[in-house]
Amino acid sequence: MRELQLRQPVHQTPATRNAFADLRARADVAYVALGERASLPMMNGSILDYQVRLNRAAAAFQKWKDTELAVIARDSSTLNTVCDQIRAERLSMVSTRQT
């Protein structure tokens, strides 16, 4: 019975839904520029886990590829700064490909 309960989606507040949507929208700018889409949040996943997962995939071919985003996530300000840089580098890849 416990296993079945764990599979049920956790109720999200409007603020939580908005936070997930905001993360996806910001990530999508960088993903769409390269012809991809940002993944959806996982059921019952945390906002922090989603942010790390989105940016880990985006950083796969950049200087950030060996960075442990989950460790950086302990400091939200640092994580946000690194994630902004990852998105900016991903967007710069587009301009490099077009020239």
PDB file of N, CA and C in Angstrom:
ATOM      1  N   MET A   1       0.823  -1.192   0.000  1.00  0.00           N
ATOM      2  CA  MET A   1       0.000   0.000   0.000  1.00  0.00           C
ATOM      3  C   MET A   1       0.873   1.265   0.000  1.00  0.00           C
ATOM      4  N   ARG A   2       1.948   1.234   0.784  1.00  0.00           N
ATOM      5  CA  ARG A   2       2.857   2.389   0.868  1.00  0.00           C
ATOM      6  C   ARG A   2       3.446   2.708  -0.507  1.00  0.00           C
ATOM      7  N   GLU A   3       3.796   1.666  -1.247  1.00  0.00           N
ATOM      8  CA  GLU A   3       4.366   1.855  -2.572  1.00  0.00           C
ATOM      9  C   GLU A   3       3.376   2.553  -3.504  1.00  0.00           C
ATOM     10  N   LEU A   4       2.119   2.193  -3.403  1.00  0.00           N
ATOM     11  CA  LEU A   4       1.087   2.820  -4.220  1.00  0.00           C
ATOM     12  C   LEU A   4       0.932   4.291  -3.846  1.00  0.00           C
ATOM     13  N   GLN A   5       1.006   4.598  -2.561  1.00  0.00           N
ATOM     14  CA  GLN A   5       0.897   5.986  -2.118  1.00  0.00           C
ATOM     15  C   GLN A   5       2.051   6.827  -2.641  1.00  0.00           C
ATOM     16  N   LEU A   6       3.242   6.249  -2.696  1.00  0.00           N
ATOM     17  CA  LEU A   6       4.404   6.989  -3.172  1.00  0.00           C
ATOM     18  C   LEU A   6       4.309   7.327  -4.658  1.00  0.00           C
ATOM     19  N   ARG A   7       3.536   6.557  -5.392  1.00  0.00           N
ATOM     20  CA  ARG A   7       3.380   6.794  -6.826  1.00  0.00           C
ATOM     21  C   ARG A   7       2.364   7.883  -7.140  1.00  0.00           C
ATOM     22  N   GLN A   8       1.576   8.256  -6.171  1.00  0.00           N
ATOM     23  CA  GLN A   8       0.568   9.283  -6.380  1.00  0.00           C
ATOM     24  C   GLN A   8       1.240  10.648  -6.469  1.00  0.00           C
ATOM     25  N   PRO A   9       0.812  11.488  -7.388  1.00  0.00           N
ATOM     26  CA  PRO A   9       1.411  12.821  -7.484  1.00  0.00           C
ATOM     27  C   PRO A   9       1.170  13.638  -6.219  1.00  0.00           C
ATOM     28  N   VAL A  10       2.198  14.351  -5.824  1.00  0.00           N
ATOM     29  CA  VAL A  10       2.094  15.237  -4.675  1.00  0.00           C
ATOM     30  C   VAL A  10       1.366  16.500  -5.125  1.00  0.00           C
ATOM     31  N   HIS A  11       0.452  16.982  -4.299  1.00  0.00           N
ATOM     32  CA  HIS A  11      -0.277  18.213  -4.626  1.00  0.00           C
ATOM     33  C   HIS A  11       0.706  19.376  -4.668  1.00  0.00           C
ATOM     34  N   GLN A  12       0.671  20.131  -5.749  1.00  0.00           N
ATOM     35  CA  GLN A  12       1.541  21.292  -5.889  1.00  0.00           C
ATOM     36  C   GLN A  12       0.741  22.572  -5.717  1.00  0.00           C
ATOM     37  N   THR A  13       1.338  23.497  -5.032  1.00  0.00           N
ATOM     38  CA  THR A  13       0.719  24.805  -4.887  1.00  0.00           C
ATOM     39  C   THR A  13       0.900  25.570  -6.197  1.00  0.00           C
ATOM     40  N   PRO A  14       0.104  26.602  -6.403  1.00  0.00           N
ATOM     41  CA  PRO A  14       0.306  27.419  -7.606  1.00  0.00           C
ATOM     42  C   PRO A  14       1.725  27.997  -7.681  1.00  0.00           C
ATOM     43  N   ALA A  15       2.296  28.345  -6.550  1.00  0.00           N
ATOM     44  CA  ALA A  15       3.660  28.891  -6.537  1.00  0.00           C
ATOM     45  C   ALA A  15       4.671  27.850  -7.014  1.00  0.00           C
ATOM     46  N   THR A  16       4.480  26.602  -6.606  1.00  0.00           N
ATOM     47  CA  THR A  16       5.384  25.535  -7.031  1.00  0.00           C
ATOM     48  C   THR A  16       5.240  25.279  -8.526  1.00  0.00           C
ATOM     49  N   ARG A  17       4.005  25.217  -9.004  1.00  0.00           N
ATOM     50  CA  ARG A  17       3.780  25.022 -10.440  1.00  0.00           C
ATOM     51  C   ARG A  17       4.416  26.160 -11.239  1.00  0.00           C
ATOM     52  N   ASN A  18       4.278  27.370 -10.746  1.00  0.00           N
ATOM     53  CA  ASN A  18       4.871  28.526 -11.421  1.00  0.00           C
ATOM     54  C   ASN A  18       6.396  28.448 -11.426  1.00  0.00           C
ATOM     55  N   ALA A  19       6.967  27.968 -10.336  1.00  0.00           N
ATOM     56  CA  ALA A  19       8.429  27.839 -10.265  1.00  0.00           C
ATOM     57  C   ALA A  19       8.928  26.822 -11.292  1.00  0.00           C
ATOM     58  N   PHE A  20       8.232  25.685 -11.414  1.00  0.00           N
ATOM     59  CA  PHE A  20       8.601  24.691 -12.424  1.00  0.00           C
ATOM     60  C   PHE A  20       8.472  25.281 -13.826  1.00  0.00           C
ATOM     61  N   ALA A  21       7.380  25.982 -14.074  1.00  0.00           N
ATOM     62  CA  ALA A  21       7.145  26.575 -15.390  1.00  0.00           C
ATOM     63  C   ALA A  21       8.201  27.630 -15.714  1.00  0.00           C
ATOM     64  N   ASP A  22       8.588  28.414 -14.724  1.00  0.00           N
ATOM     65  CA  ASP A  22       9.608  29.439 -14.921  1.00  0.00           C
ATOM     66  C   ASP A  22      10.951  28.800 -15.279  1.00  0.00           C
ATOM     67  N   LEU A  23      11.322  27.748 -14.560  1.00  0.00           N
ATOM     68  CA  LEU A  23      12.573  27.046 -14.868  1.00  0.00           C
ATOM     69  C   LEU A  23      12.556  26.499 -16.295  1.00  0.00           C
ATOM     70  N   ARG A  24      11.447  25.882 -16.659  1.00  0.00           N
ATOM     71  CA  ARG A  24      11.363  25.291 -17.998  1.00  0.00           C
ATOM     72  C   ARG A  24      11.403  26.370 -19.070  1.00  0.00           C
ATOM     73  N   ALA A  25      10.723  27.475 -18.837  1.00  0.00           N
ATOM     74  CA  ALA A  25      10.702  28.556 -19.826  1.00  0.00           C
ATOM     75  C   ALA A  25      12.106  29.126 -20.039  1.00  0.00           C
ATOM     76  N   ARG A  26      12.838  29.333 -18.945  1.00  0.00           N
ATOM     77  CA  ARG A  26      14.198  29.861 -19.079  1.00  0.00           C
ATOM     78  C   ARG A  26      15.105  28.862 -19.786  1.00  0.00           C
ATOM     79  N   ALA A  27      14.964  27.593 -19.458  1.00  0.00           N
ATOM     80  CA  ALA A  27      15.791  26.567 -20.098  1.00  0.00           C
ATOM     81  C   ALA A  27      15.417  26.408 -21.564  1.00  0.00           C
ATOM     82  N   ASP A  28      14.133  26.510 -21.869  1.00  0.00           N
ATOM     83  CA  ASP A  28      13.667  26.324 -23.238  1.00  0.00           C
ATOM     84  C   ASP A  28      14.291  27.321 -24.214  1.00  0.00           C
ATOM     85  N   VAL A  29      14.585  28.509 -23.756  1.00  0.00           N
ATOM     86  CA  VAL A  29      15.216  29.500 -24.635  1.00  0.00           C
ATOM     87  C   VAL A  29      16.514  28.928 -25.202  1.00  0.00           C
ATOM     88  N   ALA A  30      17.307  28.326 -24.334  1.00  0.00           N
ATOM     89  CA  ALA A  30      18.581  27.760 -24.775  1.00  0.00           C
ATOM     90  C   ALA A  30      18.388  26.462 -25.552  1.00  0.00           C
ATOM     91  N   TYR A  31      17.449  25.641 -25.121  1.00  0.00           N
ATOM     92  CA  TYR A  31      17.217  24.364 -25.808  1.00  0.00           C
ATOM     93  C   TYR A  31      16.644  24.580 -27.207  1.00  0.00           C
ATOM     94  N   VAL A  32      15.635  25.427 -27.330  1.00  0.00           N
ATOM     95  CA  VAL A  32      14.967  25.650 -28.612  1.00  0.00           C
ATOM     96  C   VAL A  32      15.932  26.255 -29.626  1.00  0.00           C
ATOM     97  N   ALA A  33      16.851  27.067 -29.165  1.00  0.00           N
ATOM     98  CA  ALA A  33      17.825  27.674 -30.073  1.00  0.00           C
ATOM     99  C   ALA A  33      18.644  26.618 -30.803  1.00  0.00           C
ATOM    100  N   LEU A  34      18.781  25.447 -30.206  1.00  0.00           N
ATOM    101  CA  LEU A  34      19.528  24.350 -30.831  1.00  0.00           C
ATOM    102  C   LEU A  34      18.606  23.242 -31.337  1.00  0.00           C
ATOM    103  N   GLY A  35      17.311  23.569 -31.456  1.00  0.00           N
ATOM    104  CA  GLY A  35      16.365  22.613 -32.027  1.00  0.00           C
ATOM    105  C   GLY A  35      15.894  21.536 -31.075  1.00  0.00           C
ATOM    106  N   GLU A  36      15.969  21.776 -29.784  1.00  0.00           N
ATOM    107  CA  GLU A  36      15.531  20.811 -28.782  1.00  0.00           C
ATOM    108  C   GLU A  36      14.487  21.453 -27.886  1.00  0.00           C
ATOM    109  N   ARG A  37      13.977  20.687 -26.943  1.00  0.00           N
ATOM    110  CA  ARG A  37      13.045  21.209 -25.940  1.00  0.00           C
ATOM    111  C   ARG A  37      13.521  20.779 -24.568  1.00  0.00           C
ATOM    112  N   ALA A  38      13.311  21.615 -23.584  1.00  0.00           N
ATOM    113  CA  ALA A  38      13.639  21.263 -22.202  1.00  0.00           C
ATOM    114  C   ALA A  38      12.679  20.172 -21.739  1.00  0.00           C
ATOM    115  N   SER A  39      13.186  19.257 -20.956  1.00  0.00           N
ATOM    116  CA  SER A  39      12.355  18.148 -20.484  1.00  0.00           C
ATOM    117  C   SER A  39      11.339  18.633 -19.447  1.00  0.00           C
ATOM    118  N   LEU A  40      10.316  17.839 -19.273  1.00  0.00           N
ATOM    119  CA  LEU A  40       9.292  18.142 -18.273  1.00  0.00           C
ATOM    120  C   LEU A  40       9.792  17.751 -16.887  1.00  0.00           C
ATOM    121  N   PRO A  41       9.254  18.358 -15.850  1.00  0.00           N
ATOM    122  CA  PRO A  41       9.616  17.935 -14.489  1.00  0.00           C
ATOM    123  C   PRO A  41       9.150  16.502 -14.239  1.00  0.00           C
ATOM    124  N   MET A  42       9.871  15.804 -13.404  1.00  0.00           N
ATOM    125  CA  MET A  42       9.483  14.446 -13.039  1.00  0.00           C
ATOM    126  C   MET A  42       8.411  14.516 -11.954  1.00  0.00           C
ATOM    127  N   MET A  43       7.513  13.543 -11.965  1.00  0.00           N
ATOM    128  CA  MET A  43       6.455  13.512 -10.967  1.00  0.00           C
ATOM    129  C   MET A  43       7.078  13.431  -9.572  1.00  0.00           C
ATOM    130  N   ASN A  44       6.628  14.264  -8.688  1.00  0.00           N
ATOM    131  CA  ASN A  44       7.071  14.329  -7.296  1.00  0.00           C
ATOM    132  C   ASN A  44       8.521  14.763  -7.147  1.00  0.00           C
ATOM    133  N   GLY A  45       9.124  15.285  -8.208  1.00  0.00           N
ATOM    134  CA  GLY A  45      10.486  15.784  -8.115  1.00  0.00           C
ATOM    135  C   GLY A  45      10.493  17.178  -7.502  1.00  0.00           C
ATOM    136  N   SER A  46      11.629  17.543  -6.949  1.00  0.00           N
ATOM    137  CA  SER A  46      11.739  18.875  -6.341  1.00  0.00           C
ATOM    138  C   SER A  46      12.166  19.897  -7.397  1.00  0.00           C
ATOM    139  N   ILE A  47      11.952  21.143  -7.089  1.00  0.00           N
ATOM    140  CA  ILE A  47      12.344  22.226  -7.983  1.00  0.00           C
ATOM    141  C   ILE A  47      13.855  22.220  -8.161  1.00  0.00           C
ATOM    142  N   LEU A  48      14.570  22.004  -7.084  1.00  0.00           N
ATOM    143  CA  LEU A  48      16.029  21.982  -7.142  1.00  0.00           C
ATOM    144  C   LEU A  48      16.534  20.836  -8.019  1.00  0.00           C
ATOM    145  N   ASP A  49      15.954  19.648  -7.857  1.00  0.00           N
ATOM    146  CA  ASP A  49      16.343  18.508  -8.690  1.00  0.00           C
ATOM    147  C   ASP A  49      16.082  18.803 -10.166  1.00  0.00           C
ATOM    148  N   TYR A  50      14.968  19.436 -10.450  1.00  0.00           N
ATOM    149  CA  TYR A  50      14.618  19.772 -11.828  1.00  0.00           C
ATOM    150  C   TYR A  50      15.610  20.777 -12.406  1.00  0.00           C
ATOM    151  N   GLN A  51      15.960  21.775 -11.636  1.00  0.00           N
ATOM    152  CA  GLN A  51      16.912  22.782 -12.102  1.00  0.00           C
ATOM    153  C   GLN A  51      18.272  22.145 -12.400  1.00  0.00           C
ATOM    154  N   VAL A  52      18.719  21.268 -11.527  1.00  0.00           N
ATOM    155  CA  VAL A  52      19.995  20.580 -11.739  1.00  0.00           C
ATOM    156  C   VAL A  52      19.919  19.709 -12.988  1.00  0.00           C
ATOM    157  N   ARG A  53      18.829  18.961 -13.145  1.00  0.00           N
ATOM    158  CA  ARG A  53      18.681  18.058 -14.291  1.00  0.00           C
ATOM    159  C   ARG A  53      18.646  18.819 -15.614  1.00  0.00           C
ATOM    160  N   LEU A  54      17.900  19.915 -15.658  1.00  0.00           N
ATOM    161  CA  LEU A  54      17.824  20.718 -16.877  1.00  0.00           C
ATOM    162  C   LEU A  54      19.190  21.237 -17.293  1.00  0.00           C
ATOM    163  N   ASN A  55      19.920  21.739 -16.327  1.00  0.00           N
ATOM    164  CA  ASN A  55      21.189  22.378 -16.646  1.00  0.00           C
ATOM    165  C   ASN A  55      22.320  21.372 -16.811  1.00  0.00           C
ATOM    166  N   ARG A  56      22.219  20.223 -16.188  1.00  0.00           N
ATOM    167  CA  ARG A  56      23.226  19.177 -16.402  1.00  0.00           C
ATOM    168  C   ARG A  56      23.196  18.738 -17.865  1.00  0.00           C
ATOM    169  N   ALA A  57      22.007  18.576 -18.399  1.00  0.00           N
ATOM    170  CA  ALA A  57      21.883  18.176 -19.805  1.00  0.00           C
ATOM    171  C   ALA A  57      22.387  19.284 -20.729  1.00  0.00           C
ATOM    172  N   ALA A  58      22.086  20.517 -20.400  1.00  0.00           N
ATOM    173  CA  ALA A  58      22.502  21.643 -21.235  1.00  0.00           C
ATOM    174  C   ALA A  58      24.009  21.844 -21.195  1.00  0.00           C
ATOM    175  N   ALA A  59      24.641  21.471 -20.092  1.00  0.00           N
ATOM    176  CA  ALA A  59      26.078  21.683 -19.926  1.00  0.00           C
ATOM    177  C   ALA A  59      26.920  20.541 -20.473  1.00  0.00           C
ATOM    178  N   ALA A  60      26.290  19.530 -21.011  1.00  0.00           N
ATOM    179  CA  ALA A  60      27.001  18.306 -21.400  1.00  0.00           C
ATOM    180  C   ALA A  60      28.175  18.548 -22.354  1.00  0.00           C
ATOM    181  N   PHE A  61      28.098  19.550 -23.192  1.00  0.00           N
ATOM    182  CA  PHE A  61      29.160  19.779 -24.171  1.00  0.00           C
ATOM    183  C   PHE A  61      29.878  21.105 -23.932  1.00  0.00           C
ATOM    184  N   GLN A  62      29.807  21.612 -22.727  1.00  0.00           N
ATOM    185  CA  GLN A  62      30.408  22.903 -22.418  1.00  0.00           C
ATOM    186  C   GLN A  62      31.469  22.727 -21.338  1.00  0.00           C
ATOM    187  N   LYS A  63      32.087  23.841 -20.976  1.00  0.00           N
ATOM    188  CA  LYS A  63      33.122  23.783 -19.936  1.00  0.00           C
ATOM    189  C   LYS A  63      32.555  23.353 -18.588  1.00  0.00           C
ATOM    190  N   TRP A  64      31.235  23.398 -18.450  1.00  0.00           N
ATOM    191  CA  TRP A  64      30.592  23.038 -17.187  1.00  0.00           C
ATOM    192  C   TRP A  64      30.306  21.548 -17.076  1.00  0.00           C
ATOM    193  N   LYS A  65      30.674  20.765 -18.085  1.00  0.00           N
ATOM    194  CA  LYS A  65      30.260  19.355 -18.137  1.00  0.00           C
ATOM    195  C   LYS A  65      30.729  18.532 -16.937  1.00  0.00           C
ATOM    196  N   ASP A  66      31.853  18.893 -16.330  1.00  0.00           N
ATOM    197  CA  ASP A  66      32.352  18.138 -15.180  1.00  0.00           C
ATOM    198  C   ASP A  66      31.952  18.754 -13.844  1.00  0.00           C
ATOM    199  N   THR A  67      31.156  19.792 -13.897  1.00  0.00           N
ATOM    200  CA  THR A  67      30.725  20.474 -12.677  1.00  0.00           C
ATOM    201  C   THR A  67      29.615  19.688 -11.995  1.00  0.00           C
ATOM    202  N   GLU A  68      29.751  19.501 -10.708  1.00  0.00           N
ATOM    203  CA  GLU A  68      28.733  18.809  -9.923  1.00  0.00           C
ATOM    204  C   GLU A  68      27.667  19.818  -9.506  1.00  0.00           C
ATOM    205  N   LEU A  69      26.659  19.962 -10.336  1.00  0.00           N
ATOM    206  CA  LEU A  69      25.610  20.945 -10.041  1.00  0.00           C
ATOM    207  C   LEU A  69      24.872  20.627  -8.753  1.00  0.00           C
ATOM    208  N   ALA A  70      24.742  19.355  -8.419  1.00  0.00           N
ATOM    209  CA  ALA A  70      24.047  18.982  -7.186  1.00  0.00           C
ATOM    210  C   ALA A  70      24.806  19.477  -5.967  1.00  0.00           C
ATOM    211  N   VAL A  71      26.126  19.540  -6.054  1.00  0.00           N
ATOM    212  CA  VAL A  71      26.929  20.060  -4.939  1.00  0.00           C
ATOM    213  C   VAL A  71      26.798  21.571  -4.870  1.00  0.00           C
ATOM    214  N   ILE A  72      26.856  22.222  -6.038  1.00  0.00           N
ATOM    215  CA  ILE A  72      26.705  23.677  -6.087  1.00  0.00           C
ATOM    216  C   ILE A  72      25.327  24.095  -5.587  1.00  0.00           C
ATOM    217  N   ALA A  73      24.348  23.217  -5.742  1.00  0.00           N
ATOM    218  CA  ALA A  73      22.961  23.536  -5.386  1.00  0.00           C
ATOM    219  C   ALA A  73      22.787  23.871  -3.911  1.00  0.00           C
ATOM    220  N   ARG A  74      23.780  23.559  -3.097  1.00  0.00           N
ATOM    221  CA  ARG A  74      23.686  23.919  -1.669  1.00  0.00           C
ATOM    222  C   ARG A  74      23.612  25.428  -1.479  1.00  0.00           C
ATOM    223  N   ASP A  75      24.164  26.155  -2.437  1.00  0.00           N
ATOM    224  CA  ASP A  75      24.109  27.617  -2.406  1.00  0.00           C
ATOM    225  C   ASP A  75      23.285  28.071  -3.608  1.00  0.00           C
ATOM    226  N   SER A  76      22.056  28.464  -3.369  1.00  0.00           N
ATOM    227  CA  SER A  76      21.139  28.770  -4.477  1.00  0.00           C
ATOM    228  C   SER A  76      21.636  29.927  -5.338  1.00  0.00           C
ATOM    229  N   SER A  77      22.287  30.898  -4.748  1.00  0.00           N
ATOM    230  CA  SER A  77      22.789  32.027  -5.519  1.00  0.00           C
ATOM    231  C   SER A  77      23.863  31.569  -6.507  1.00  0.00           C
ATOM    232  N   THR A  78      24.778  30.744  -6.044  1.00  0.00           N
ATOM    233  CA  THR A  78      25.828  30.219  -6.929  1.00  0.00           C
ATOM    234  C   THR A  78      25.220  29.345  -8.014  1.00  0.00           C
ATOM    235  N   LEU A  79      24.271  28.493  -7.641  1.00  0.00           N
ATOM    236  CA  LEU A  79      23.624  27.625  -8.628  1.00  0.00           C
ATOM    237  C   LEU A  79      22.933  28.453  -9.702  1.00  0.00           C
ATOM    238  N   ASN A  80      22.211  29.486  -9.307  1.00  0.00           N
ATOM    239  CA  ASN A  80      21.517  30.328 -10.288  1.00  0.00           C
ATOM    240  C   ASN A  80      22.505  31.019 -11.218  1.00  0.00           C
ATOM    241  N   THR A  81      23.630  31.476 -10.680  1.00  0.00           N
ATOM    242  CA  THR A  81      24.651  32.125 -11.500  1.00  0.00           C
ATOM    243  C   THR A  81      25.240  31.154 -12.513  1.00  0.00           C
ATOM    244  N   VAL A  82      25.568  29.954 -12.052  1.00  0.00           N
ATOM    245  CA  VAL A  82      26.133  28.931 -12.948  1.00  0.00           C
ATOM    246  C   VAL A  82      25.113  28.545 -14.012  1.00  0.00           C
ATOM    247  N   CYS A  83      23.864  28.374 -13.626  1.00  0.00           N
ATOM    248  CA  CYS A  83      22.821  28.005 -14.593  1.00  0.00           C
ATOM    249  C   CYS A  83      22.625  29.094 -15.638  1.00  0.00           C
ATOM    250  N   ASP A  84      22.691  30.352 -15.217  1.00  0.00           N
ATOM    251  CA  ASP A  84      22.602  31.461 -16.173  1.00  0.00           C
ATOM    252  C   ASP A  84      23.759  31.405 -17.163  1.00  0.00           C
ATOM    253  N   GLN A  85      24.959  31.090 -16.675  1.00  0.00           N
ATOM    254  CA  GLN A  85      26.123  30.999 -17.553  1.00  0.00           C
ATOM    255  C   GLN A  85      26.015  29.813 -18.508  1.00  0.00           C
ATOM    256  N   ILE A  86      25.473  28.716 -18.024  1.00  0.00           N
ATOM    257  CA  ILE A  86      25.282  27.544 -18.891  1.00  0.00           C
ATOM    258  C   ILE A  86      24.330  27.891 -20.029  1.00  0.00           C
ATOM    259  N   ARG A  87      23.207  28.554 -19.697  1.00  0.00           N
ATOM    260  CA  ARG A  87      22.251  28.935 -20.743  1.00  0.00           C
ATOM    261  C   ARG A  87      22.881  29.923 -21.721  1.00  0.00           C
ATOM    262  N   ALA A  88      23.644  30.875 -21.206  1.00  0.00           N
ATOM    263  CA  ALA A  88      24.287  31.864 -22.074  1.00  0.00           C
ATOM    264  C   ALA A  88      25.287  31.196 -23.019  1.00  0.00           C
ATOM    265  N   GLU A  89      26.052  30.245 -22.510  1.00  0.00           N
ATOM    266  CA  GLU A  89      27.004  29.543 -23.366  1.00  0.00           C
ATOM    267  C   GLU A  89      26.283  28.702 -24.420  1.00  0.00           C
ATOM    268  N   ARG A  90      25.194  28.107 -24.016  1.00  0.00           N
ATOM    269  CA  ARG A  90      24.423  27.296 -24.976  1.00  0.00           C
ATOM    270  C   ARG A  90      23.884  28.187 -26.100  1.00  0.00           C
ATOM    271  N   LEU A  91      23.415  29.366 -25.735  1.00  0.00           N
ATOM    272  CA  LEU A  91      22.938  30.306 -26.758  1.00  0.00           C
ATOM    273  C   LEU A  91      24.078  30.794 -27.641  1.00  0.00           C
ATOM    274  N   SER A  92      25.258  30.967 -27.060  1.00  0.00           N
ATOM    275  CA  SER A  92      26.402  31.414 -27.872  1.00  0.00           C
ATOM    276  C   SER A  92      26.826  30.335 -28.856  1.00  0.00           C
ATOM    277  N   MET A  93      26.537  29.064 -28.540  1.00  0.00           N
ATOM    278  CA  MET A  93      26.828  27.980 -29.475  1.00  0.00           C
ATOM    279  C   MET A  93      26.025  28.166 -30.759  1.00  0.00           C
ATOM    280  N   VAL A  94      24.838  28.716 -30.639  1.00  0.00           N
ATOM    281  CA  VAL A  94      23.996  28.948 -31.807  1.00  0.00           C
ATOM    282  C   VAL A  94      24.640  29.975 -32.727  1.00  0.00           C
ATOM    283  N   SER A  95      25.085  31.080 -32.162  1.00  0.00           N
ATOM    284  CA  SER A  95      25.705  32.109 -32.996  1.00  0.00           C
ATOM    285  C   SER A  95      27.001  31.614 -33.616  1.00  0.00           C
ATOM    286  N   THR A  96      27.725  30.746 -32.909  1.00  0.00           N
ATOM    287  CA  THR A  96      28.947  30.175 -33.455  1.00  0.00           C
ATOM    288  C   THR A  96      28.626  29.254 -34.632  1.00  0.00           C
ATOM    289  N   ARG A  97      27.562  28.477 -34.520  1.00  0.00           N
ATOM    290  CA  ARG A  97      27.171  27.566 -35.609  1.00  0.00           C
ATOM    291  C   ARG A  97      26.688  28.318 -36.824  1.00  0.00           C
ATOM    292  N   GLN A  98      26.074  29.480 -36.608  1.00  0.00           N
ATOM    293  CA  GLN A  98      25.506  30.225 -37.731  1.00  0.00           C
ATOM    294  C   GLN A  98      26.549  31.008 -38.498  1.00  0.00           C
ATOM    295  N   THR A  99      27.719  31.241 -37.908  1.00  0.00           N
ATOM    296  CA  THR A  99      28.746  32.028 -38.607  1.00  0.00           C
ATOM    297  C   THR A  99      29.690  31.156 -39.363  1.00  0.00           C
TER     298      THR A  99
END
